[in-house]
Amino acid sequence: MRPLQANLSINALKHNLEMLRACSPESQHVAVIKANAYGHRVPLLLPELERNPVIDYLAVAIIEEALEIREFGAQKPVLLLEGVFEQEEYYTASEYNFAVVVANAKQLKWLTDVELKKPLNVFLKVDSGMHRLGANPADIPAIYECVSSSKNVKSVTLMTHFACADEADSPLTEKQIAIM
């Protein structure tokens, strides 16, 4: 069997990030590097992602990955895409300046019940049609009010996961955008 290999080009990464900035100069840009950068090895990519001004956040799935990339030297804000799985993880998120996704009622209750030393940046996930994670769009105004009024929250950003974002003119993507 022939061995498989993936070649990474930092120059191609830089070019792609410049294209991203050109397409959406007013947006925040998040580099998703969960699962060891999808197997491409975080330590190889992290130096460029850290020094590149296009990237505002690094994102990982779980708090253990966030702690690991901090050990690798990550200084940029880190977003926990899955949020927390135990209330105590909010303390770690606060200590290490991790932003958290709130995607369900349990995470919301934990966030409002905990006593944090430093407030968190919170990303409120809306289920706009992917049906994996996130709050029902009809519930967002009440949830937003609850989150934004919490002493544990510094800022609230709405987010969603587009099901077909890589398909030009997808009717589902257009529907999801309308919901947001």
N, C-alpha and C. Protein backbone atom coordinates (compact mmCIF):
# COMPACT_ATOMS: atom_id res chain seq x y z
N MET A 1 0.83 -1.17 0.00
CA MET A 1 0.00 0.00 0.00
C MET A 1 0.88 1.24 0.00
N ARG A 2 0.51 2.18 -0.81
CA ARG A 2 1.24 3.44 -0.92
C ARG A 2 0.95 4.31 0.30
N PRO A 3 1.98 4.91 0.92
CA PRO A 3 1.71 5.79 2.07
C PRO A 3 1.04 7.09 1.62
N LEU A 4 0.12 7.56 2.43
CA LEU A 4 -0.55 8.83 2.15
C LEU A 4 0.22 9.96 2.80
N GLN A 5 0.15 11.10 2.17
CA GLN A 5 0.88 12.23 2.72
C GLN A 5 0.13 13.52 2.39
N ALA A 6 0.17 14.44 3.32
CA ALA A 6 -0.42 15.77 3.11
C ALA A 6 0.71 16.78 3.19
N ASN A 7 0.79 17.63 2.20
CA ASN A 7 1.81 18.67 2.18
C ASN A 7 1.17 19.99 2.57
N LEU A 8 1.75 20.64 3.56
CA LEU A 8 1.26 21.93 4.02
C LEU A 8 2.15 23.03 3.48
N SER A 9 1.52 24.09 3.03
CA SER A 9 2.26 25.24 2.52
C SER A 9 1.87 26.46 3.33
N ILE A 10 2.81 26.99 4.08
CA ILE A 10 2.54 28.20 4.86
C ILE A 10 2.25 29.36 3.91
N ASN A 11 2.91 29.40 2.77
CA ASN A 11 2.63 30.46 1.79
C ASN A 11 1.20 30.36 1.27
N ALA A 12 0.71 29.15 1.03
CA ALA A 12 -0.68 28.98 0.60
C ALA A 12 -1.64 29.40 1.71
N LEU A 13 -1.30 29.07 2.94
CA LEU A 13 -2.12 29.48 4.08
C LEU A 13 -2.19 31.01 4.16
N LYS A 14 -1.04 31.67 4.03
CA LYS A 14 -1.01 33.14 4.05
C LYS A 14 -1.88 33.71 2.93
N HIS A 15 -1.75 33.14 1.73
CA HIS A 15 -2.56 33.60 0.59
C HIS A 15 -4.05 33.43 0.88
N ASN A 16 -4.43 32.28 1.40
CA ASN A 16 -5.84 32.02 1.70
C ASN A 16 -6.37 32.99 2.76
N LEU A 17 -5.55 33.31 3.75
CA LEU A 17 -5.97 34.26 4.77
C LEU A 17 -6.15 35.66 4.19
N GLU A 18 -5.28 36.04 3.27
CA GLU A 18 -5.44 37.35 2.61
C GLU A 18 -6.71 37.37 1.77
N MET A 19 -7.03 36.27 1.11
CA MET A 19 -8.29 36.18 0.34
C MET A 19 -9.48 36.30 1.28
N LEU A 20 -9.39 35.68 2.43
CA LEU A 20 -10.46 35.75 3.43
C LEU A 20 -10.67 37.20 3.86
N ARG A 21 -9.58 37.89 4.14
CA ARG A 21 -9.70 39.30 4.55
C ARG A 21 -10.31 40.13 3.43
N ALA A 22 -9.91 39.89 2.18
CA ALA A 22 -10.44 40.65 1.05
C ALA A 22 -11.94 40.42 0.86
N CYS A 23 -12.39 39.21 1.11
CA CYS A 23 -13.81 38.88 0.94
C CYS A 23 -14.68 39.39 2.08
N SER A 24 -14.10 39.51 3.26
CA SER A 24 -14.91 39.90 4.43
C SER A 24 -14.08 40.74 5.40
N PRO A 25 -13.74 41.96 4.98
CA PRO A 25 -12.84 42.77 5.79
C PRO A 25 -13.41 43.22 7.13
N GLU A 26 -14.72 43.27 7.28
CA GLU A 26 -15.33 43.73 8.52
C GLU A 26 -15.65 42.59 9.49
N SER A 27 -15.43 41.36 9.07
CA SER A 27 -15.80 40.20 9.88
C SER A 27 -14.69 39.79 10.83
N GLN A 28 -15.09 39.09 11.88
CA GLN A 28 -14.12 38.40 12.73
C GLN A 28 -13.81 37.07 12.06
N HIS A 29 -12.56 36.68 12.09
CA HIS A 29 -12.14 35.44 11.44
C HIS A 29 -11.63 34.46 12.49
N VAL A 30 -12.14 33.24 12.40
CA VAL A 30 -11.84 32.19 13.36
C VAL A 30 -11.13 31.05 12.63
N ALA A 31 -9.95 30.69 13.09
CA ALA A 31 -9.24 29.54 12.54
C ALA A 31 -9.59 28.32 13.38
N VAL A 32 -10.30 27.38 12.78
CA VAL A 32 -10.72 26.17 13.50
C VAL A 32 -9.58 25.16 13.40
N ILE A 33 -9.01 24.84 14.56
CA ILE A 33 -7.86 23.93 14.60
C ILE A 33 -8.12 22.76 15.54
N LYS A 34 -9.39 22.37 15.64
CA LYS A 34 -9.74 21.23 16.50
C LYS A 34 -9.16 19.95 15.92
N ALA A 35 -9.11 18.92 16.74
CA ALA A 35 -8.60 17.61 16.33
C ALA A 35 -7.20 17.72 15.72
N ASN A 36 -6.33 18.47 16.46
CA ASN A 36 -4.94 18.65 16.02
C ASN A 36 -4.89 19.24 14.61
N ALA A 37 -5.69 20.29 14.40
CA ALA A 37 -5.80 20.96 13.10
C ALA A 37 -6.21 19.95 12.02
N TYR A 38 -7.23 19.16 12.37
CA TYR A 38 -7.74 18.13 11.47
C TYR A 38 -6.62 17.19 11.00
N GLY A 39 -5.71 16.89 11.93
CA GLY A 39 -4.62 15.97 11.64
C GLY A 39 -3.40 16.61 11.00
N HIS A 40 -3.42 17.91 10.79
CA HIS A 40 -2.30 18.58 10.14
C HIS A 40 -1.26 19.13 11.12
N ARG A 41 -1.46 18.84 12.41
CA ARG A 41 -0.51 19.17 13.47
C ARG A 41 -0.50 20.66 13.82
N VAL A 42 -1.16 20.96 14.90
CA VAL A 42 -1.26 22.33 15.39
C VAL A 42 0.09 23.02 15.51
N PRO A 43 1.14 22.37 16.05
CA PRO A 43 2.41 23.09 16.21
C PRO A 43 2.99 23.62 14.89
N LEU A 44 2.66 23.00 13.76
CA LEU A 44 3.15 23.49 12.48
C LEU A 44 2.41 24.74 12.01
N LEU A 45 1.11 24.81 12.30
CA LEU A 45 0.28 25.91 11.81
C LEU A 45 0.19 27.08 12.78
N LEU A 46 0.32 26.79 14.05
CA LEU A 46 0.08 27.80 15.08
C LEU A 46 0.94 29.06 14.93
N PRO A 47 2.24 28.96 14.64
CA PRO A 47 3.03 30.20 14.53
C PRO A 47 2.47 31.17 13.49
N GLU A 48 2.06 30.68 12.34
CA GLU A 48 1.50 31.57 11.31
C GLU A 48 0.14 32.11 11.72
N LEU A 49 -0.69 31.27 12.30
CA LEU A 49 -2.01 31.73 12.74
C LEU A 49 -1.88 32.78 13.85
N GLU A 50 -0.89 32.63 14.70
CA GLU A 50 -0.67 33.59 15.78
C GLU A 50 -0.19 34.94 15.24
N ARG A 51 0.70 34.92 14.28
CA ARG A 51 1.28 36.18 13.82
C ARG A 51 0.41 36.86 12.76
N ASN A 52 -0.51 36.14 12.15
CA ASN A 52 -1.31 36.70 11.06
C ASN A 52 -2.46 37.54 11.61
N PRO A 53 -2.52 38.82 11.23
CA PRO A 53 -3.56 39.70 11.78
C PRO A 53 -4.98 39.40 11.28
N VAL A 54 -5.13 38.59 10.28
CA VAL A 54 -6.47 38.24 9.77
C VAL A 54 -7.22 37.41 10.81
N ILE A 55 -6.51 36.58 11.55
CA ILE A 55 -7.14 35.67 12.50
C ILE A 55 -7.40 36.37 13.83
N ASP A 56 -8.68 36.38 14.22
CA ASP A 56 -9.08 36.99 15.49
C ASP A 56 -9.18 35.96 16.61
N TYR A 57 -9.62 34.76 16.28
CA TYR A 57 -9.80 33.69 17.25
C TYR A 57 -9.23 32.40 16.71
N LEU A 58 -8.77 31.57 17.62
CA LEU A 58 -8.48 30.17 17.33
C LEU A 58 -9.63 29.38 17.94
N ALA A 59 -10.07 28.32 17.28
CA ALA A 59 -11.20 27.55 17.81
C ALA A 59 -10.84 26.08 17.89
N VAL A 60 -11.26 25.49 19.00
CA VAL A 60 -11.09 24.05 19.23
C VAL A 60 -12.42 23.51 19.73
N ALA A 61 -12.53 22.21 19.82
CA ALA A 61 -13.80 21.62 20.25
C ALA A 61 -13.98 21.66 21.76
N ILE A 62 -12.94 21.26 22.49
CA ILE A 62 -13.09 21.05 23.93
C ILE A 62 -11.98 21.75 24.70
N ILE A 63 -12.19 21.87 25.99
CA ILE A 63 -11.27 22.64 26.83
C ILE A 63 -9.87 22.02 26.89
N GLU A 64 -9.78 20.69 26.81
CA GLU A 64 -8.46 20.05 26.83
C GLU A 64 -7.63 20.49 25.62
N GLU A 65 -8.26 20.63 24.46
CA GLU A 65 -7.54 21.11 23.28
C GLU A 65 -7.11 22.56 23.47
N ALA A 66 -7.96 23.36 24.09
CA ALA A 66 -7.63 24.77 24.33
C ALA A 66 -6.41 24.89 25.24
N LEU A 67 -6.38 24.09 26.30
CA LEU A 67 -5.22 24.11 27.20
C LEU A 67 -3.96 23.66 26.47
N GLU A 68 -4.10 22.68 25.59
CA GLU A 68 -2.95 22.19 24.84
C GLU A 68 -2.39 23.27 23.91
N ILE A 69 -3.25 24.00 23.21
CA ILE A 69 -2.70 25.02 22.31
C ILE A 69 -2.12 26.19 23.09
N ARG A 70 -2.60 26.45 24.30
CA ARG A 70 -1.95 27.44 25.15
C ARG A 70 -0.54 26.97 25.51
N GLU A 71 -0.40 25.66 25.78
CA GLU A 71 0.94 25.10 26.06
C GLU A 71 1.86 25.25 24.85
N PHE A 72 1.29 25.20 23.64
CA PHE A 72 2.08 25.38 22.41
C PHE A 72 2.40 26.85 22.15
N GLY A 73 1.88 27.75 22.99
CA GLY A 73 2.20 29.17 22.86
C GLY A 73 1.11 30.05 22.30
N ALA A 74 -0.09 29.55 22.12
CA ALA A 74 -1.18 30.37 21.58
C ALA A 74 -1.50 31.52 22.53
N GLN A 75 -1.51 32.73 22.00
CA GLN A 75 -1.85 33.93 22.77
C GLN A 75 -3.19 34.52 22.35
N LYS A 76 -3.63 34.24 21.14
CA LYS A 76 -4.90 34.79 20.65
C LYS A 76 -6.06 34.20 21.45
N PRO A 77 -7.19 34.88 21.42
CA PRO A 77 -8.37 34.31 22.08
C PRO A 77 -8.71 32.94 21.49
N VAL A 78 -9.15 32.05 22.37
CA VAL A 78 -9.50 30.69 21.96
C VAL A 78 -10.99 30.48 22.23
N LEU A 79 -11.68 29.95 21.24
CA LEU A 79 -13.11 29.68 21.34
C LEU A 79 -13.34 28.18 21.50
N LEU A 80 -14.15 27.81 22.51
CA LEU A 80 -14.53 26.41 22.72
C LEU A 80 -15.81 26.15 21.96
N LEU A 81 -15.71 25.50 20.81
CA LEU A 81 -16.85 25.31 19.92
C LEU A 81 -17.96 24.45 20.52
N GLU A 82 -17.60 23.52 21.38
CA GLU A 82 -18.62 22.67 22.01
C GLU A 82 -19.08 23.24 23.35
N GLY A 83 -18.53 24.38 23.73
CA GLY A 83 -18.85 24.94 25.03
C GLY A 83 -18.21 24.11 26.13
N VAL A 84 -18.88 24.03 27.27
CA VAL A 84 -18.36 23.25 28.39
C VAL A 84 -19.23 22.02 28.61
N PHE A 85 -18.62 21.00 29.19
CA PHE A 85 -19.33 19.75 29.47
C PHE A 85 -19.60 19.57 30.96
N GLU A 86 -18.95 20.41 31.78
CA GLU A 86 -19.16 20.42 33.23
C GLU A 86 -19.08 21.87 33.68
N GLN A 87 -19.85 22.22 34.68
CA GLN A 87 -19.89 23.60 35.15
C GLN A 87 -18.51 24.11 35.55
N GLU A 88 -17.68 23.25 36.14
CA GLU A 88 -16.36 23.65 36.60
C GLU A 88 -15.47 24.14 35.46
N GLU A 89 -15.76 23.72 34.24
CA GLU A 89 -14.95 24.15 33.10
C GLU A 89 -15.08 25.65 32.86
N TYR A 90 -16.15 26.26 33.33
CA TYR A 90 -16.27 27.72 33.20
C TYR A 90 -15.17 28.43 33.99
N TYR A 91 -14.74 27.87 35.12
CA TYR A 91 -13.65 28.46 35.89
C TYR A 91 -12.35 28.45 35.08
N THR A 92 -12.08 27.32 34.44
CA THR A 92 -10.88 27.21 33.61
C THR A 92 -10.96 28.17 32.43
N ALA A 93 -12.12 28.24 31.81
CA ALA A 93 -12.30 29.16 30.67
C ALA A 93 -12.03 30.60 31.10
N SER A 94 -12.51 30.97 32.26
CA SER A 94 -12.30 32.32 32.76
C SER A 94 -10.82 32.57 33.06
N GLU A 95 -10.18 31.61 33.70
CA GLU A 95 -8.76 31.76 34.06
C GLU A 95 -7.87 31.91 32.83
N TYR A 96 -8.15 31.15 31.77
CA TYR A 96 -7.30 31.14 30.58
C TYR A 96 -7.81 32.03 29.46
N ASN A 97 -8.85 32.81 29.73
CA ASN A 97 -9.41 33.72 28.73
C ASN A 97 -9.92 32.97 27.49
N PHE A 98 -10.63 31.88 27.71
CA PHE A 98 -11.27 31.16 26.61
C PHE A 98 -12.68 31.71 26.43
N ALA A 99 -13.07 31.93 25.19
CA ALA A 99 -14.46 32.25 24.88
C ALA A 99 -15.22 30.93 24.79
N VAL A 100 -16.50 30.95 25.11
CA VAL A 100 -17.27 29.71 25.13
C VAL A 100 -18.53 29.84 24.28
N VAL A 101 -18.88 28.73 23.66
CA VAL A 101 -20.17 28.63 22.98
C VAL A 101 -21.19 28.15 24.00
N VAL A 102 -22.35 28.76 23.99
CA VAL A 102 -23.49 28.28 24.76
C VAL A 102 -24.50 27.79 23.74
N ALA A 103 -24.78 26.47 23.78
CA ALA A 103 -25.62 25.86 22.76
C ALA A 103 -26.83 25.14 23.31
N ASN A 104 -26.93 25.04 24.65
CA ASN A 104 -28.07 24.31 25.21
C ASN A 104 -28.43 24.87 26.59
N ALA A 105 -29.57 24.41 27.10
CA ALA A 105 -30.10 24.92 28.37
C ALA A 105 -29.18 24.62 29.55
N LYS A 106 -28.53 23.46 29.53
CA LYS A 106 -27.64 23.10 30.64
C LYS A 106 -26.45 24.05 30.71
N GLN A 107 -25.83 24.34 29.56
CA GLN A 107 -24.70 25.27 29.54
C GLN A 107 -25.14 26.66 30.00
N LEU A 108 -26.34 27.07 29.59
CA LEU A 108 -26.86 28.37 30.00
C LEU A 108 -27.07 28.44 31.51
N LYS A 109 -27.66 27.41 32.08
CA LYS A 109 -27.90 27.39 33.53
C LYS A 109 -26.58 27.41 34.29
N TRP A 110 -25.63 26.59 33.87
CA TRP A 110 -24.32 26.58 34.52
C TRP A 110 -23.68 27.96 34.48
N LEU A 111 -23.76 28.61 33.32
CA LEU A 111 -23.13 29.92 33.15
C LEU A 111 -23.74 30.95 34.08
N THR A 112 -25.04 30.93 34.23
CA THR A 112 -25.69 31.93 35.07
C THR A 112 -25.55 31.61 36.56
N ASP A 113 -25.31 30.35 36.91
CA ASP A 113 -25.19 29.94 38.32
C ASP A 113 -23.79 30.08 38.89
N VAL A 114 -22.77 30.04 38.05
CA VAL A 114 -21.38 30.01 38.51
C VAL A 114 -20.93 31.41 38.95
N GLU A 115 -19.91 31.47 39.80
CA GLU A 115 -19.32 32.74 40.26
C GLU A 115 -17.91 32.85 39.69
N LEU A 116 -17.74 33.59 38.61
CA LEU A 116 -16.44 33.70 37.95
C LEU A 116 -15.70 34.96 38.38
N LYS A 117 -14.37 34.86 38.42
CA LYS A 117 -13.55 36.03 38.74
C LYS A 117 -13.50 37.01 37.57
N LYS A 118 -13.43 36.47 36.34
CA LYS A 118 -13.39 37.30 35.14
C LYS A 118 -14.53 36.87 34.21
N PRO A 119 -15.26 37.83 33.65
CA PRO A 119 -16.35 37.47 32.75
C PRO A 119 -15.82 36.91 31.43
N LEU A 120 -16.68 36.17 30.75
CA LEU A 120 -16.32 35.47 29.51
C LEU A 120 -16.94 36.14 28.29
N ASN A 121 -16.28 35.97 27.16
CA ASN A 121 -16.90 36.26 25.87
C ASN A 121 -17.70 35.01 25.51
N VAL A 122 -18.97 35.20 25.21
CA VAL A 122 -19.87 34.08 24.94
C VAL A 122 -20.36 34.16 23.50
N PHE A 123 -20.35 33.02 22.84
CA PHE A 123 -20.92 32.87 21.51
C PHE A 123 -22.19 32.05 21.67
N LEU A 124 -23.32 32.66 21.39
CA LEU A 124 -24.61 32.00 21.52
C LEU A 124 -24.93 31.32 20.20
N LYS A 125 -25.00 29.99 20.23
CA LYS A 125 -25.19 29.23 19.00
C LYS A 125 -26.67 29.07 18.69
N VAL A 126 -27.03 29.44 17.46
CA VAL A 126 -28.39 29.36 16.97
C VAL A 126 -28.49 28.18 16.01
N ASP A 127 -29.48 27.32 16.22
CA ASP A 127 -29.73 26.23 15.26
C ASP A 127 -30.56 26.81 14.12
N SER A 128 -29.87 27.17 13.06
CA SER A 128 -30.55 27.79 11.92
C SER A 128 -30.90 26.79 10.83
N GLY A 129 -30.73 25.50 11.11
CA GLY A 129 -31.11 24.50 10.11
C GLY A 129 -30.21 23.29 10.03
N MET A 130 -29.06 23.31 10.69
CA MET A 130 -28.16 22.16 10.66
C MET A 130 -28.67 21.06 11.59
N HIS A 131 -29.35 21.45 12.66
CA HIS A 131 -29.97 20.53 13.62
C HIS A 131 -28.97 19.64 14.35
N ARG A 132 -27.80 20.21 14.67
CA ARG A 132 -26.84 19.49 15.50
C ARG A 132 -26.74 20.12 16.88
N LEU A 133 -26.42 21.38 16.91
CA LEU A 133 -26.27 22.11 18.17
C LEU A 133 -26.92 23.47 18.02
N GLY A 134 -27.35 24.01 19.13
CA GLY A 134 -27.84 25.38 19.11
C GLY A 134 -29.27 25.51 19.58
N ALA A 135 -29.60 26.74 19.93
CA ALA A 135 -30.93 27.06 20.42
C ALA A 135 -31.89 27.30 19.27
N ASN A 136 -33.14 27.05 19.53
CA ASN A 136 -34.20 27.34 18.57
C ASN A 136 -34.22 28.84 18.31
N PRO A 137 -34.28 29.27 17.04
CA PRO A 137 -34.28 30.71 16.75
C PRO A 137 -35.37 31.48 17.50
N ALA A 138 -36.52 30.87 17.72
CA ALA A 138 -37.60 31.55 18.44
C ALA A 138 -37.24 31.85 19.89
N ASP A 139 -36.32 31.07 20.46
CA ASP A 139 -35.91 31.25 21.85
C ASP A 139 -34.76 32.23 22.03
N ILE A 140 -34.14 32.64 20.95
CA ILE A 140 -32.93 33.45 21.03
C ILE A 140 -33.13 34.78 21.75
N PRO A 141 -34.19 35.54 21.51
CA PRO A 141 -34.30 36.82 22.24
C PRO A 141 -34.26 36.65 23.76
N ALA A 142 -34.97 35.68 24.29
CA ALA A 142 -34.98 35.46 25.75
C ALA A 142 -33.63 34.95 26.24
N ILE A 143 -33.02 34.04 25.49
CA ILE A 143 -31.71 33.52 25.88
C ILE A 143 -30.66 34.62 25.82
N TYR A 144 -30.72 35.42 24.76
CA TYR A 144 -29.78 36.53 24.62
C TYR A 144 -29.90 37.48 25.81
N GLU A 145 -31.11 37.80 26.20
CA GLU A 145 -31.33 38.68 27.35
C GLU A 145 -30.73 38.09 28.62
N CYS A 146 -30.95 36.80 28.83
CA CYS A 146 -30.42 36.11 30.01
C CYS A 146 -28.89 36.12 30.01
N VAL A 147 -28.29 35.78 28.87
CA VAL A 147 -26.83 35.71 28.77
C VAL A 147 -26.23 37.10 28.91
N SER A 148 -26.75 38.06 28.18
CA SER A 148 -26.13 39.39 28.17
C SER A 148 -26.27 40.11 29.51
N SER A 149 -27.24 39.73 30.32
CA SER A 149 -27.40 40.38 31.63
C SER A 149 -26.63 39.67 32.75
N SER A 150 -25.97 38.56 32.43
CA SER A 150 -25.21 37.82 33.44
C SER A 150 -23.91 38.54 33.79
N LYS A 151 -23.58 38.56 35.06
CA LYS A 151 -22.32 39.15 35.52
C LYS A 151 -21.12 38.36 35.02
N ASN A 152 -21.35 37.13 34.56
CA ASN A 152 -20.27 36.28 34.08
C ASN A 152 -19.95 36.48 32.60
N VAL A 153 -20.66 37.40 31.95
CA VAL A 153 -20.53 37.57 30.50
C VAL A 153 -20.03 38.97 30.17
N LYS A 154 -18.93 39.01 29.40
CA LYS A 154 -18.36 40.26 28.93
C LYS A 154 -19.02 40.71 27.63
N SER A 155 -19.18 39.77 26.69
CA SER A 155 -19.79 40.08 25.40
C SER A 155 -20.55 38.86 24.89
N VAL A 156 -21.51 39.11 24.00
CA VAL A 156 -22.30 38.03 23.40
C VAL A 156 -22.24 38.19 21.88
N THR A 157 -21.89 37.11 21.20
CA THR A 157 -21.87 37.06 19.75
C THR A 157 -22.79 35.94 19.31
N LEU A 158 -23.64 36.21 18.33
CA LEU A 158 -24.48 35.15 17.78
C LEU A 158 -23.70 34.39 16.72
N MET A 159 -23.89 33.08 16.68
CA MET A 159 -23.22 32.26 15.67
C MET A 159 -24.14 31.13 15.24
N THR A 160 -23.84 30.56 14.09
CA THR A 160 -24.56 29.38 13.62
C THR A 160 -23.59 28.53 12.83
N HIS A 161 -24.04 27.36 12.42
CA HIS A 161 -23.24 26.45 11.60
C HIS A 161 -23.99 26.24 10.29
N PHE A 162 -23.43 26.73 9.21
CA PHE A 162 -24.09 26.58 7.91
C PHE A 162 -23.90 25.16 7.40
N ALA A 163 -25.00 24.55 7.00
CA ALA A 163 -24.97 23.16 6.55
C ALA A 163 -24.32 23.01 5.19
N CYS A 164 -24.46 23.98 4.33
CA CYS A 164 -23.97 23.88 2.94
C CYS A 164 -23.20 25.13 2.55
N ALA A 165 -22.39 25.65 3.43
CA ALA A 165 -21.71 26.92 3.18
C ALA A 165 -20.78 26.87 1.98
N ASP A 166 -20.31 25.69 1.62
CA ASP A 166 -19.38 25.59 0.50
C ASP A 166 -20.09 25.39 -0.84
N GLU A 167 -21.41 25.41 -0.83
CA GLU A 167 -22.18 25.27 -2.07
C GLU A 167 -22.74 26.64 -2.46
N ALA A 168 -22.26 27.17 -3.57
CA ALA A 168 -22.74 28.47 -4.03
C ALA A 168 -24.24 28.42 -4.29
N ASP A 169 -24.93 29.46 -3.84
CA ASP A 169 -26.38 29.60 -4.07
C ASP A 169 -27.21 28.47 -3.49
N SER A 170 -26.77 27.89 -2.39
CA SER A 170 -27.56 26.84 -1.75
C SER A 170 -28.82 27.45 -1.14
N PRO A 171 -30.00 26.91 -1.48
CA PRO A 171 -31.24 27.43 -0.86
C PRO A 171 -31.23 27.28 0.66
N LEU A 172 -30.61 26.21 1.16
CA LEU A 172 -30.55 26.02 2.61
C LEU A 172 -29.71 27.11 3.27
N THR A 173 -28.58 27.45 2.66
CA THR A 173 -27.74 28.51 3.22
C THR A 173 -28.49 29.84 3.21
N GLU A 174 -29.19 30.12 2.13
CA GLU A 174 -29.97 31.36 2.06
C GLU A 174 -31.04 31.38 3.15
N LYS A 175 -31.67 30.24 3.41
CA LYS A 175 -32.68 30.14 4.47
C LYS A 175 -32.02 30.37 5.83
N GLN A 176 -30.85 29.78 6.05
CA GLN A 176 -30.15 29.95 7.32
C GLN A 176 -29.75 31.40 7.54
N ILE A 177 -29.30 32.06 6.49
CA ILE A 177 -28.92 33.48 6.60
C ILE A 177 -30.15 34.31 6.97
N ALA A 178 -31.28 34.01 6.37
CA ALA A 178 -32.51 34.74 6.68
C ALA A 178 -32.91 34.57 8.14
N ILE A 179 -32.69 33.39 8.69
CA ILE A 179 -33.01 33.14 10.10
C ILE A 179 -32.13 33.98 11.01
N MET A 180 -30.87 34.12 10.64
CA MET A 180 -29.93 34.86 11.48
C MET A 180 -30.20 36.35 11.40
